[in-house]
Amino acid sequence: MSRDVSSANSTNSHVDIDTPTARGDVVAAALCLGCGLAGYFLVIPDAVYVPKSFIGTANSPAFLPKVICIMLSALSATYLVKSIAQFRGAGDEPRSRMVDWCLAGAMAAICAGYVAGILVFGLTFASAVCVAGTLYFFGERRLAVIATIAVILPSFLWYFFAKIAIILLPTPVLNILGPFSALDGFGDAARVLVAQSLPMAAGWAA
């Protein structure tokens, strides 16, 4: 597919940044593989607290994040091998315009700001600001639409992490939204862990 696009654009000096190219496939696959490995070996062990009684079990708060990182790494490695093979036979390919890279960099900055916002302001508030900023960045100017989406999506995200997945999220430095800053997730997780640990402890004591 990348080779077909390359030949079709051989007369052009530039292509859109989202145009598939063999070179872009290699870079994308390498970045995804790096993110998957960094998440599994660095981020999860540092950011997710796992009680000793839940280490290696499906009830561990780190279980779902690790599964996601493993899947991301495996798929990315497969994609990287295939992309390198295509890149070797692709020849010269047109490159993207600098303005496209600036837009991509701005989107990356939004994502980095989102991660920092989670640590400082909590999951829900950071998600709302990120969603609103992203919508505005891509041209949406209807405030009612921006406000509606910026409230609904973060609310569902908070409910999933705090009430369903029970994943221990980082405690925000500034607790702006109170119980909706994912702190309830910590409370619910603690209550669940205690409720599950007490019968196990009683069984061991017996």
N, C-alpha and C. Protein backbone atom coordinates (compact mmCIF):
# COMPACT_ATOMS: atom_id res chain seq x y z
N MET A 1 0.83 -1.21 0.00
CA MET A 1 0.00 0.00 0.00
C MET A 1 0.86 1.25 0.00
N SER A 2 1.90 1.28 0.83
CA SER A 2 2.79 2.43 0.89
C SER A 2 3.52 2.62 -0.42
N ARG A 3 3.89 1.52 -1.10
CA ARG A 3 4.61 1.61 -2.35
C ARG A 3 3.72 2.18 -3.44
N ASP A 4 2.42 1.80 -3.40
CA ASP A 4 1.48 2.33 -4.38
C ASP A 4 1.33 3.83 -4.22
N VAL A 5 1.22 4.29 -2.96
CA VAL A 5 1.08 5.72 -2.71
C VAL A 5 2.32 6.46 -3.16
N SER A 6 3.49 5.85 -2.93
CA SER A 6 4.73 6.50 -3.31
C SER A 6 4.83 6.70 -4.81
N SER A 7 4.47 5.66 -5.59
CA SER A 7 4.54 5.77 -7.03
C SER A 7 3.51 6.73 -7.58
N ALA A 8 2.34 6.78 -6.92
CA ALA A 8 1.28 7.66 -7.37
C ALA A 8 1.63 9.11 -7.15
N ASN A 9 2.50 9.40 -6.17
CA ASN A 9 2.86 10.77 -5.85
C ASN A 9 4.30 11.11 -6.27
N SER A 10 4.84 10.34 -7.21
CA SER A 10 6.23 10.52 -7.58
C SER A 10 6.49 11.88 -8.19
N THR A 11 5.46 12.52 -8.76
CA THR A 11 5.63 13.82 -9.39
C THR A 11 5.44 14.96 -8.41
N ASN A 12 5.01 14.68 -7.19
CA ASN A 12 4.77 15.72 -6.19
C ASN A 12 5.93 15.76 -5.20
N SER A 13 6.25 16.95 -4.71
CA SER A 13 7.33 17.09 -3.75
C SER A 13 6.85 16.90 -2.32
N HIS A 14 5.54 17.01 -2.10
CA HIS A 14 4.98 16.89 -0.75
C HIS A 14 3.73 16.03 -0.77
N VAL A 15 3.45 15.42 0.37
CA VAL A 15 2.22 14.66 0.56
C VAL A 15 1.62 15.08 1.89
N ASP A 16 0.34 14.79 2.10
CA ASP A 16 -0.28 15.05 3.39
C ASP A 16 0.38 14.17 4.44
N ILE A 17 0.40 14.68 5.68
CA ILE A 17 1.09 13.96 6.74
C ILE A 17 0.41 12.63 7.07
N ASP A 18 -0.89 12.53 6.76
CA ASP A 18 -1.59 11.27 7.03
C ASP A 18 -1.54 10.32 5.84
N THR A 19 -0.79 10.66 4.78
CA THR A 19 -0.64 9.76 3.65
C THR A 19 0.27 8.60 4.04
N PRO A 20 -0.16 7.36 3.86
CA PRO A 20 0.68 6.23 4.24
C PRO A 20 1.97 6.18 3.42
N THR A 21 3.09 6.09 4.09
CA THR A 21 4.39 5.90 3.45
C THR A 21 5.15 4.83 4.23
N ALA A 22 6.08 4.18 3.55
CA ALA A 22 6.86 3.14 4.22
C ALA A 22 7.70 3.73 5.33
N ARG A 23 8.28 4.92 5.10
CA ARG A 23 9.09 5.58 6.12
C ARG A 23 8.25 5.94 7.35
N GLY A 24 7.05 6.47 7.10
CA GLY A 24 6.16 6.82 8.21
C GLY A 24 5.70 5.60 8.98
N ASP A 25 5.51 4.48 8.27
CA ASP A 25 5.09 3.25 8.95
C ASP A 25 6.16 2.77 9.92
N VAL A 26 7.43 2.88 9.51
CA VAL A 26 8.53 2.45 10.38
C VAL A 26 8.58 3.31 11.63
N VAL A 27 8.47 4.63 11.45
CA VAL A 27 8.52 5.54 12.59
C VAL A 27 7.35 5.29 13.54
N ALA A 28 6.15 5.15 12.98
CA ALA A 28 4.96 4.94 13.80
C ALA A 28 5.05 3.63 14.57
N ALA A 29 5.51 2.57 13.91
CA ALA A 29 5.62 1.27 14.57
C ALA A 29 6.65 1.31 15.69
N ALA A 30 7.78 2.00 15.44
CA ALA A 30 8.82 2.09 16.47
C ALA A 30 8.34 2.88 17.68
N LEU A 31 7.62 3.97 17.44
CA LEU A 31 7.09 4.77 18.55
C LEU A 31 6.07 3.98 19.36
N CYS A 32 5.19 3.26 18.67
CA CYS A 32 4.19 2.46 19.38
C CYS A 32 4.85 1.36 20.20
N LEU A 33 5.87 0.73 19.64
CA LEU A 33 6.58 -0.32 20.37
C LEU A 33 7.27 0.27 21.60
N GLY A 34 7.89 1.44 21.43
CA GLY A 34 8.54 2.09 22.57
C GLY A 34 7.56 2.45 23.67
N CYS A 35 6.39 2.95 23.27
CA CYS A 35 5.36 3.30 24.27
C CYS A 35 4.87 2.07 25.01
N GLY A 36 4.66 0.98 24.28
CA GLY A 36 4.19 -0.24 24.93
C GLY A 36 5.18 -0.78 25.93
N LEU A 37 6.47 -0.81 25.55
CA LEU A 37 7.50 -1.32 26.46
C LEU A 37 7.71 -0.39 27.65
N ALA A 38 7.72 0.93 27.38
CA ALA A 38 7.89 1.88 28.48
C ALA A 38 6.72 1.81 29.45
N GLY A 39 5.53 1.64 28.92
CA GLY A 39 4.37 1.53 29.80
C GLY A 39 4.44 0.30 30.69
N TYR A 40 4.88 -0.83 30.12
CA TYR A 40 4.91 -2.08 30.87
C TYR A 40 6.03 -2.09 31.92
N PHE A 41 7.23 -1.64 31.52
CA PHE A 41 8.40 -1.77 32.41
C PHE A 41 8.65 -0.54 33.28
N LEU A 42 8.16 0.63 32.89
CA LEU A 42 8.46 1.84 33.62
C LEU A 42 7.24 2.48 34.27
N VAL A 43 6.21 2.75 33.45
CA VAL A 43 5.07 3.52 33.95
C VAL A 43 4.22 2.72 34.93
N ILE A 44 3.82 1.52 34.54
CA ILE A 44 2.92 0.72 35.39
C ILE A 44 3.56 0.37 36.74
N PRO A 45 4.78 -0.13 36.78
CA PRO A 45 5.38 -0.43 38.10
C PRO A 45 5.51 0.80 39.00
N ASP A 46 5.69 1.98 38.39
CA ASP A 46 5.88 3.18 39.19
C ASP A 46 4.57 3.83 39.59
N ALA A 47 3.55 3.72 38.74
CA ALA A 47 2.31 4.48 38.96
C ALA A 47 1.17 3.66 39.55
N VAL A 48 1.21 2.34 39.41
CA VAL A 48 0.09 1.50 39.87
C VAL A 48 0.52 0.71 41.10
N TYR A 49 -0.19 0.96 42.19
CA TYR A 49 0.10 0.23 43.44
C TYR A 49 -0.64 -1.10 43.44
N VAL A 50 0.09 -2.18 43.68
CA VAL A 50 -0.51 -3.51 43.71
C VAL A 50 -0.21 -4.14 45.07
N PRO A 51 -1.24 -4.41 45.88
CA PRO A 51 -1.02 -5.10 47.17
C PRO A 51 -0.39 -6.48 46.94
N LYS A 52 0.38 -6.94 47.88
CA LYS A 52 1.09 -8.21 47.73
C LYS A 52 0.14 -9.37 47.45
N SER A 53 -1.03 -9.34 48.06
CA SER A 53 -1.96 -10.46 47.89
C SER A 53 -2.57 -10.51 46.49
N PHE A 54 -2.39 -9.44 45.69
CA PHE A 54 -2.99 -9.39 44.36
C PHE A 54 -1.95 -9.44 43.25
N ILE A 55 -0.68 -9.58 43.61
CA ILE A 55 0.36 -9.64 42.59
C ILE A 55 0.18 -10.89 41.74
N GLY A 56 0.16 -10.71 40.43
CA GLY A 56 0.04 -11.84 39.50
C GLY A 56 -1.36 -12.36 39.31
N THR A 57 -2.37 -11.70 39.85
CA THR A 57 -3.75 -12.15 39.71
C THR A 57 -4.52 -11.20 38.80
N ALA A 58 -5.67 -11.69 38.31
CA ALA A 58 -6.51 -10.88 37.44
C ALA A 58 -7.19 -9.75 38.21
N ASN A 59 -7.21 -9.83 39.54
CA ASN A 59 -7.79 -8.77 40.36
C ASN A 59 -6.83 -7.62 40.61
N SER A 60 -5.61 -7.77 40.16
CA SER A 60 -4.62 -6.73 40.38
C SER A 60 -4.98 -5.47 39.60
N PRO A 61 -4.82 -4.29 40.21
CA PRO A 61 -5.08 -3.04 39.47
C PRO A 61 -4.17 -2.87 38.27
N ALA A 62 -3.05 -3.59 38.24
CA ALA A 62 -2.12 -3.47 37.12
C ALA A 62 -2.42 -4.47 36.01
N PHE A 63 -3.40 -5.35 36.21
CA PHE A 63 -3.65 -6.42 35.24
C PHE A 63 -4.08 -5.86 33.88
N LEU A 64 -5.12 -5.02 33.87
CA LEU A 64 -5.63 -4.48 32.61
C LEU A 64 -4.60 -3.59 31.91
N PRO A 65 -3.92 -2.66 32.62
CA PRO A 65 -2.87 -1.88 31.94
C PRO A 65 -1.77 -2.74 31.34
N LYS A 66 -1.37 -3.81 32.04
CA LYS A 66 -0.31 -4.67 31.51
C LYS A 66 -0.78 -5.42 30.27
N VAL A 67 -2.03 -5.87 30.27
CA VAL A 67 -2.57 -6.56 29.09
C VAL A 67 -2.57 -5.62 27.89
N ILE A 68 -2.97 -4.37 28.11
CA ILE A 68 -2.99 -3.39 27.03
C ILE A 68 -1.58 -3.14 26.50
N CYS A 69 -0.61 -3.00 27.39
CA CYS A 69 0.77 -2.76 26.97
C CYS A 69 1.36 -3.96 26.23
N ILE A 70 1.03 -5.16 26.68
CA ILE A 70 1.51 -6.36 26.00
C ILE A 70 0.93 -6.45 24.60
N MET A 71 -0.36 -6.19 24.46
CA MET A 71 -0.98 -6.23 23.14
C MET A 71 -0.40 -5.15 22.24
N LEU A 72 -0.21 -3.94 22.78
CA LEU A 72 0.37 -2.85 21.99
C LEU A 72 1.78 -3.21 21.53
N SER A 73 2.59 -3.77 22.41
CA SER A 73 3.96 -4.12 22.06
C SER A 73 4.01 -5.23 21.01
N ALA A 74 3.18 -6.25 21.18
CA ALA A 74 3.19 -7.37 20.24
C ALA A 74 2.74 -6.93 18.84
N LEU A 75 1.65 -6.18 18.78
CA LEU A 75 1.17 -5.70 17.48
C LEU A 75 2.16 -4.73 16.85
N SER A 76 2.78 -3.88 17.66
CA SER A 76 3.74 -2.91 17.14
C SER A 76 4.99 -3.59 16.60
N ALA A 77 5.45 -4.63 17.30
CA ALA A 77 6.63 -5.36 16.83
C ALA A 77 6.35 -6.02 15.48
N THR A 78 5.17 -6.62 15.34
CA THR A 78 4.79 -7.23 14.07
C THR A 78 4.72 -6.17 12.96
N TYR A 79 4.12 -5.06 13.29
CA TYR A 79 3.97 -3.95 12.34
C TYR A 79 5.34 -3.39 11.96
N LEU A 80 6.27 -3.32 12.91
CA LEU A 80 7.61 -2.77 12.65
C LEU A 80 8.38 -3.66 11.69
N VAL A 81 8.34 -4.96 11.88
CA VAL A 81 9.04 -5.90 11.00
C VAL A 81 8.50 -5.77 9.57
N LYS A 82 7.18 -5.73 9.45
CA LYS A 82 6.57 -5.60 8.13
C LYS A 82 6.91 -4.27 7.49
N SER A 83 6.92 -3.19 8.26
CA SER A 83 7.20 -1.86 7.73
C SER A 83 8.64 -1.72 7.26
N ILE A 84 9.58 -2.32 8.00
CA ILE A 84 10.99 -2.27 7.60
C ILE A 84 11.19 -2.97 6.27
N ALA A 85 10.51 -4.10 6.10
CA ALA A 85 10.61 -4.84 4.83
C ALA A 85 10.07 -4.00 3.68
N GLN A 86 8.96 -3.29 3.90
CA GLN A 86 8.40 -2.43 2.86
C GLN A 86 9.28 -1.23 2.59
N PHE A 87 9.88 -0.68 3.64
CA PHE A 87 10.71 0.51 3.50
C PHE A 87 11.95 0.23 2.64
N ARG A 88 12.52 -0.95 2.78
CA ARG A 88 13.72 -1.30 2.02
C ARG A 88 13.45 -1.34 0.51
N GLY A 89 12.23 -1.65 0.12
CA GLY A 89 11.92 -1.72 -1.30
C GLY A 89 11.11 -0.56 -1.82
N ALA A 90 10.93 0.47 -1.00
CA ALA A 90 10.05 1.58 -1.40
C ALA A 90 10.76 2.62 -2.25
N GLY A 91 12.06 2.80 -2.10
CA GLY A 91 12.77 3.84 -2.84
C GLY A 91 12.48 5.22 -2.27
N ASP A 92 12.72 6.27 -3.08
CA ASP A 92 12.47 7.64 -2.64
C ASP A 92 10.97 7.89 -2.51
N GLU A 93 10.61 8.56 -1.41
CA GLU A 93 9.21 8.90 -1.17
C GLU A 93 9.07 10.40 -0.91
N PRO A 94 7.96 11.00 -1.32
CA PRO A 94 7.75 12.43 -1.02
C PRO A 94 7.57 12.64 0.47
N ARG A 95 7.88 13.85 0.91
CA ARG A 95 7.81 14.17 2.33
C ARG A 95 6.66 15.12 2.62
N SER A 96 6.28 15.19 3.89
CA SER A 96 5.17 16.05 4.31
C SER A 96 5.63 17.49 4.46
N ARG A 97 4.70 18.42 4.38
CA ARG A 97 5.00 19.84 4.55
C ARG A 97 5.31 20.14 6.02
N MET A 98 6.08 21.18 6.24
CA MET A 98 6.45 21.55 7.61
C MET A 98 5.23 21.97 8.43
N VAL A 99 4.25 22.60 7.78
CA VAL A 99 3.05 23.04 8.51
C VAL A 99 2.29 21.84 9.06
N ASP A 100 2.33 20.73 8.32
CA ASP A 100 1.66 19.52 8.81
C ASP A 100 2.36 18.99 10.05
N TRP A 101 3.68 19.06 10.06
CA TRP A 101 4.43 18.61 11.23
C TRP A 101 4.18 19.51 12.43
N CYS A 102 3.98 20.81 12.16
CA CYS A 102 3.66 21.74 13.25
C CYS A 102 2.31 21.39 13.87
N LEU A 103 1.34 21.04 13.03
CA LEU A 103 0.03 20.64 13.55
C LEU A 103 0.14 19.35 14.36
N ALA A 104 0.94 18.42 13.86
CA ALA A 104 1.14 17.17 14.60
C ALA A 104 1.83 17.42 15.93
N GLY A 105 2.81 18.34 15.92
CA GLY A 105 3.48 18.69 17.16
C GLY A 105 2.56 19.35 18.16
N ALA A 106 1.64 20.18 17.65
CA ALA A 106 0.66 20.81 18.55
C ALA A 106 -0.24 19.76 19.19
N MET A 107 -0.62 18.76 18.41
CA MET A 107 -1.46 17.69 18.97
C MET A 107 -0.69 16.88 20.00
N ALA A 108 0.59 16.65 19.74
CA ALA A 108 1.42 15.95 20.72
C ALA A 108 1.55 16.76 22.01
N ALA A 109 1.63 18.09 21.87
CA ALA A 109 1.71 18.96 23.04
C ALA A 109 0.41 18.89 23.85
N ILE A 110 -0.72 18.79 23.16
CA ILE A 110 -2.00 18.65 23.85
C ILE A 110 -2.02 17.35 24.66
N CYS A 111 -1.53 16.28 24.06
CA CYS A 111 -1.50 14.99 24.76
C CYS A 111 -0.58 15.04 25.98
N ALA A 112 0.59 15.68 25.82
CA ALA A 112 1.51 15.81 26.95
C ALA A 112 0.91 16.67 28.05
N GLY A 113 0.21 17.74 27.64
CA GLY A 113 -0.47 18.57 28.62
C GLY A 113 -1.57 17.82 29.34
N TYR A 114 -2.22 16.90 28.63
CA TYR A 114 -3.28 16.10 29.24
C TYR A 114 -2.72 15.21 30.35
N VAL A 115 -1.59 14.57 30.06
CA VAL A 115 -0.96 13.71 31.07
C VAL A 115 -0.55 14.53 32.29
N ALA A 116 0.05 15.69 32.03
CA ALA A 116 0.45 16.56 33.14
C ALA A 116 -0.77 17.06 33.91
N GLY A 117 -1.86 17.34 33.17
CA GLY A 117 -3.09 17.81 33.80
C GLY A 117 -3.70 16.77 34.72
N ILE A 118 -3.59 15.50 34.35
CA ILE A 118 -4.10 14.43 35.20
C ILE A 118 -3.37 14.42 36.53
N LEU A 119 -2.07 14.61 36.48
CA LEU A 119 -1.27 14.60 37.71
C LEU A 119 -1.56 15.81 38.59
N VAL A 120 -1.83 16.95 37.96
CA VAL A 120 -2.01 18.19 38.73
C VAL A 120 -3.46 18.40 39.13
N PHE A 121 -4.40 18.22 38.18
CA PHE A 121 -5.80 18.56 38.42
C PHE A 121 -6.73 17.36 38.55
N GLY A 122 -6.26 16.15 38.25
CA GLY A 122 -7.12 14.99 38.31
C GLY A 122 -7.64 14.59 36.94
N LEU A 123 -8.11 13.36 36.85
CA LEU A 123 -8.54 12.79 35.58
C LEU A 123 -9.68 13.55 34.93
N THR A 124 -10.73 13.83 35.68
CA THR A 124 -11.95 14.39 35.09
C THR A 124 -11.73 15.81 34.57
N PHE A 125 -11.15 16.67 35.38
CA PHE A 125 -10.94 18.05 34.96
C PHE A 125 -9.97 18.12 33.78
N ALA A 126 -8.87 17.36 33.83
CA ALA A 126 -7.90 17.35 32.74
C ALA A 126 -8.53 16.83 31.45
N SER A 127 -9.38 15.81 31.57
CA SER A 127 -10.04 15.26 30.38
C SER A 127 -10.99 16.29 29.77
N ALA A 128 -11.72 17.00 30.61
CA ALA A 128 -12.65 18.01 30.10
C ALA A 128 -11.91 19.11 29.35
N VAL A 129 -10.81 19.60 29.93
CA VAL A 129 -10.03 20.66 29.29
C VAL A 129 -9.41 20.15 28.00
N CYS A 130 -8.89 18.92 28.01
CA CYS A 130 -8.26 18.36 26.83
C CYS A 130 -9.26 18.17 25.70
N VAL A 131 -10.44 17.65 26.02
CA VAL A 131 -11.47 17.45 25.00
C VAL A 131 -11.91 18.78 24.41
N ALA A 132 -12.15 19.76 25.26
CA ALA A 132 -12.56 21.07 24.79
C ALA A 132 -11.48 21.71 23.93
N GLY A 133 -10.23 21.64 24.38
CA GLY A 133 -9.14 22.22 23.61
C GLY A 133 -8.93 21.53 22.27
N THR A 134 -9.06 20.21 22.25
CA THR A 134 -8.88 19.47 21.01
C THR A 134 -9.98 19.80 20.00
N LEU A 135 -11.21 19.87 20.48
CA LEU A 135 -12.32 20.23 19.59
C LEU A 135 -12.12 21.62 19.00
N TYR A 136 -11.71 22.57 19.83
CA TYR A 136 -11.48 23.93 19.35
C TYR A 136 -10.30 23.97 18.39
N PHE A 137 -9.27 23.20 18.68
CA PHE A 137 -8.08 23.16 17.83
C PHE A 137 -8.41 22.68 16.42
N PHE A 138 -9.35 21.74 16.32
CA PHE A 138 -9.71 21.19 15.02
C PHE A 138 -10.89 21.92 14.37
N GLY A 139 -11.23 23.10 14.89
CA GLY A 139 -12.16 23.96 14.17
C GLY A 139 -13.56 24.05 14.71
N GLU A 140 -13.89 23.33 15.76
CA GLU A 140 -15.25 23.42 16.32
C GLU A 140 -15.38 24.72 17.11
N ARG A 141 -16.40 25.50 16.77
CA ARG A 141 -16.58 26.80 17.42
C ARG A 141 -17.93 26.91 18.15
N ARG A 142 -18.75 25.90 18.06
CA ARG A 142 -20.04 25.94 18.76
C ARG A 142 -19.82 25.58 20.23
N LEU A 143 -19.96 26.57 21.08
CA LEU A 143 -19.66 26.38 22.50
C LEU A 143 -20.56 25.33 23.14
N ALA A 144 -21.82 25.26 22.70
CA ALA A 144 -22.73 24.27 23.27
C ALA A 144 -22.25 22.85 22.97
N VAL A 145 -21.77 22.63 21.75
CA VAL A 145 -21.27 21.31 21.37
C VAL A 145 -20.00 20.98 22.15
N ILE A 146 -19.09 21.95 22.23
CA ILE A 146 -17.84 21.73 22.98
C ILE A 146 -18.13 21.42 24.44
N ALA A 147 -19.01 22.22 25.06
CA ALA A 147 -19.31 22.02 26.48
C ALA A 147 -19.97 20.67 26.73
N THR A 148 -20.90 20.28 25.85
CA THR A 148 -21.61 19.01 26.03
C THR A 148 -20.65 17.83 25.95
N ILE A 149 -19.82 17.80 24.93
CA ILE A 149 -18.87 16.70 24.77
C ILE A 149 -17.83 16.71 25.89
N ALA A 150 -17.39 17.90 26.29
CA ALA A 150 -16.37 18.02 27.33
C ALA A 150 -16.89 17.60 28.70
N VAL A 151 -18.18 17.52 28.87
CA VAL A 151 -18.77 17.05 30.13
C VAL A 151 -19.07 15.55 30.06
N ILE A 152 -19.66 15.11 28.95
CA ILE A 152 -20.12 13.71 28.83
C ILE A 152 -18.94 12.74 28.77
N LEU A 153 -17.99 12.97 27.88
CA LEU A 153 -16.88 12.03 27.71
C LEU A 153 -16.03 11.86 28.97
N PRO A 154 -15.60 12.95 29.63
CA PRO A 154 -14.83 12.76 30.86
C PRO A 154 -15.63 12.08 31.97
N SER A 155 -16.95 12.32 32.00
CA SER A 155 -17.78 11.68 33.02
C SER A 155 -17.80 10.16 32.82
N PHE A 156 -17.95 9.73 31.58
CA PHE A 156 -17.91 8.29 31.29
C PHE A 156 -16.53 7.71 31.59
N LEU A 157 -15.49 8.46 31.26
CA LEU A 157 -14.13 8.00 31.51
C LEU A 157 -13.88 7.83 33.01
N TRP A 158 -14.30 8.83 33.78
CA TRP A 158 -14.13 8.74 35.24
C TRP A 158 -14.91 7.55 35.80
N TYR A 159 -16.15 7.36 35.34
CA TYR A 159 -16.97 6.28 35.86
C TYR A 159 -16.35 4.91 35.56
N PHE A 160 -15.78 4.78 34.35
CA PHE A 160 -15.16 3.50 33.98
C PHE A 160 -13.97 3.19 34.88
N PHE A 161 -13.07 4.17 35.03
CA PHE A 161 -11.87 3.93 35.83
C PHE A 161 -12.18 3.78 37.31
N ALA A 162 -13.05 4.62 37.84
CA ALA A 162 -13.27 4.66 39.28
C ALA A 162 -14.27 3.62 39.76
N LYS A 163 -15.26 3.28 38.93
CA LYS A 163 -16.35 2.41 39.39
C LYS A 163 -16.33 1.02 38.78
N ILE A 164 -15.84 0.88 37.55
CA ILE A 164 -15.89 -0.42 36.87
C ILE A 164 -14.52 -1.10 36.91
N ALA A 165 -13.50 -0.47 36.32
CA ALA A 165 -12.17 -1.08 36.29
C ALA A 165 -11.47 -1.00 37.64
N ILE A 166 -11.87 -0.03 38.47
CA ILE A 166 -11.26 0.18 39.80
C ILE A 166 -9.74 0.25 39.67
N ILE A 167 -9.28 1.14 38.81
CA ILE A 167 -7.85 1.34 38.60
C ILE A 167 -7.39 2.50 39.48
N LEU A 168 -6.30 2.30 40.20
CA LEU A 168 -5.79 3.34 41.09
C LEU A 168 -5.13 4.44 40.26
N LEU A 169 -5.77 5.57 40.18
CA LEU A 169 -5.26 6.70 39.42
C LEU A 169 -4.45 7.62 40.34
N PRO A 170 -3.51 8.37 39.77
CA PRO A 170 -2.68 9.24 40.61
C PRO A 170 -3.49 10.31 41.32
N THR A 171 -3.16 10.55 42.56
CA THR A 171 -3.85 11.59 43.33
C THR A 171 -3.45 12.96 42.80
N PRO A 172 -4.41 13.80 42.40
CA PRO A 172 -4.07 15.11 41.85
C PRO A 172 -3.49 16.04 42.90
N VAL A 173 -2.61 16.91 42.47
CA VAL A 173 -2.02 17.90 43.37
C VAL A 173 -3.08 18.90 43.81
N LEU A 174 -3.91 19.34 42.86
CA LEU A 174 -5.00 20.28 43.14
C LEU A 174 -6.33 19.56 42.95
N ASN A 175 -7.03 19.34 44.04
CA ASN A 175 -8.29 18.58 43.99
C ASN A 175 -9.44 19.53 43.64
N ILE A 176 -9.51 19.94 42.38
CA ILE A 176 -10.49 20.95 41.97
C ILE A 176 -11.92 20.42 42.02
N LEU A 177 -12.13 19.21 41.51
CA LEU A 177 -13.49 18.67 41.42
C LEU A 177 -13.84 17.73 42.56
N GLY A 178 -13.06 17.73 43.59
CA GLY A 178 -13.39 16.92 44.76
C GLY A 178 -13.48 15.45 44.43
N PRO A 179 -14.61 14.80 44.75
CA PRO A 179 -14.74 13.36 44.53
C PRO A 179 -14.72 12.97 43.07
N PHE A 180 -14.87 13.92 42.14
CA PHE A 180 -14.84 13.60 40.73
C PHE A 180 -13.45 13.76 40.11
N SER A 181 -12.44 13.92 40.94
CA SER A 181 -11.06 13.99 40.46
C SER A 181 -10.40 12.63 40.49
N ALA A 182 -11.21 11.57 40.46
CA ALA A 182 -10.75 10.18 40.51
C ALA A 182 -10.36 9.75 41.90
N LEU A 183 -10.55 10.63 42.92
CA LEU A 183 -10.25 10.23 44.29
C LEU A 183 -11.21 9.16 44.78
N ASP A 184 -12.45 9.19 44.26
CA ASP A 184 -13.38 8.14 44.62
C ASP A 184 -12.87 6.79 44.15
N GLY A 185 -12.11 6.81 43.04
CA GLY A 185 -11.54 5.57 42.55
C GLY A 185 -10.61 4.97 43.58
N PHE A 186 -9.83 5.82 44.25
CA PHE A 186 -8.95 5.33 45.30
C PHE A 186 -9.77 4.77 46.46
N GLY A 187 -10.82 5.50 46.84
CA GLY A 187 -11.63 5.05 47.96
C GLY A 187 -12.32 3.74 47.67
N ASP A 188 -12.92 3.64 46.48
CA ASP A 188 -13.60 2.41 46.09
C ASP A 188 -12.60 1.25 46.01
N ALA A 189 -11.44 1.52 45.42
CA ALA A 189 -10.44 0.46 45.29
C ALA A 189 -9.99 -0.02 46.67
N ALA A 190 -9.76 0.93 47.56
CA ALA A 190 -9.33 0.55 48.91
C ALA A 190 -10.39 -0.30 49.61
N ARG A 191 -11.66 0.11 49.46
CA ARG A 191 -12.72 -0.66 50.11
C ARG A 191 -12.82 -2.07 49.52
N VAL A 192 -12.67 -2.17 48.20
CA VAL A 192 -12.74 -3.48 47.56
C VAL A 192 -11.56 -4.35 48.00
N LEU A 193 -10.37 -3.76 48.02
CA LEU A 193 -9.20 -4.52 48.42
C LEU A 193 -9.31 -5.02 49.85
N VAL A 194 -9.81 -4.16 50.74
CA VAL A 194 -9.98 -4.56 52.13
C VAL A 194 -11.02 -5.66 52.24
N ALA A 195 -12.13 -5.49 51.52
CA ALA A 195 -13.21 -6.48 51.59
C ALA A 195 -12.76 -7.84 51.07
N GLN A 196 -11.86 -7.83 50.04
CA GLN A 196 -11.38 -9.10 49.50
C GLN A 196 -10.24 -9.68 50.33
N SER A 197 -9.49 -8.82 50.97
CA SER A 197 -8.32 -9.29 51.72
C SER A 197 -8.70 -9.90 53.07
N LEU A 198 -9.76 -9.37 53.71
CA LEU A 198 -10.12 -9.86 55.03
C LEU A 198 -10.48 -11.34 55.02
N PRO A 199 -11.34 -11.83 54.08
CA PRO A 199 -11.62 -13.27 54.07
C PRO A 199 -10.38 -14.10 53.80
N MET A 200 -9.49 -13.61 52.91
CA MET A 200 -8.27 -14.35 52.64
C MET A 200 -7.39 -14.42 53.88
N ALA A 201 -7.28 -13.29 54.59
CA ALA A 201 -6.47 -13.27 55.81
C ALA A 201 -7.06 -14.19 56.89
N ALA A 202 -8.39 -14.19 56.97
CA ALA A 202 -9.04 -15.06 57.95
C ALA A 202 -8.79 -16.53 57.61
N GLY A 203 -8.78 -16.85 56.31
CA GLY A 203 -8.53 -18.23 55.90
C GLY A 203 -7.10 -18.65 56.21
N TRP A 204 -6.15 -17.74 55.97
CA TRP A 204 -4.76 -18.07 56.29
C TRP A 204 -4.57 -18.24 57.80
N ALA A 205 -5.23 -17.37 58.58
CA ALA A 205 -5.08 -17.46 60.04
C ALA A 205 -5.64 -18.77 60.57
N ALA A 206 -6.71 -19.23 59.91
CA ALA A 206 -7.31 -20.49 60.36
C ALA A 206 -6.42 -21.67 59.98
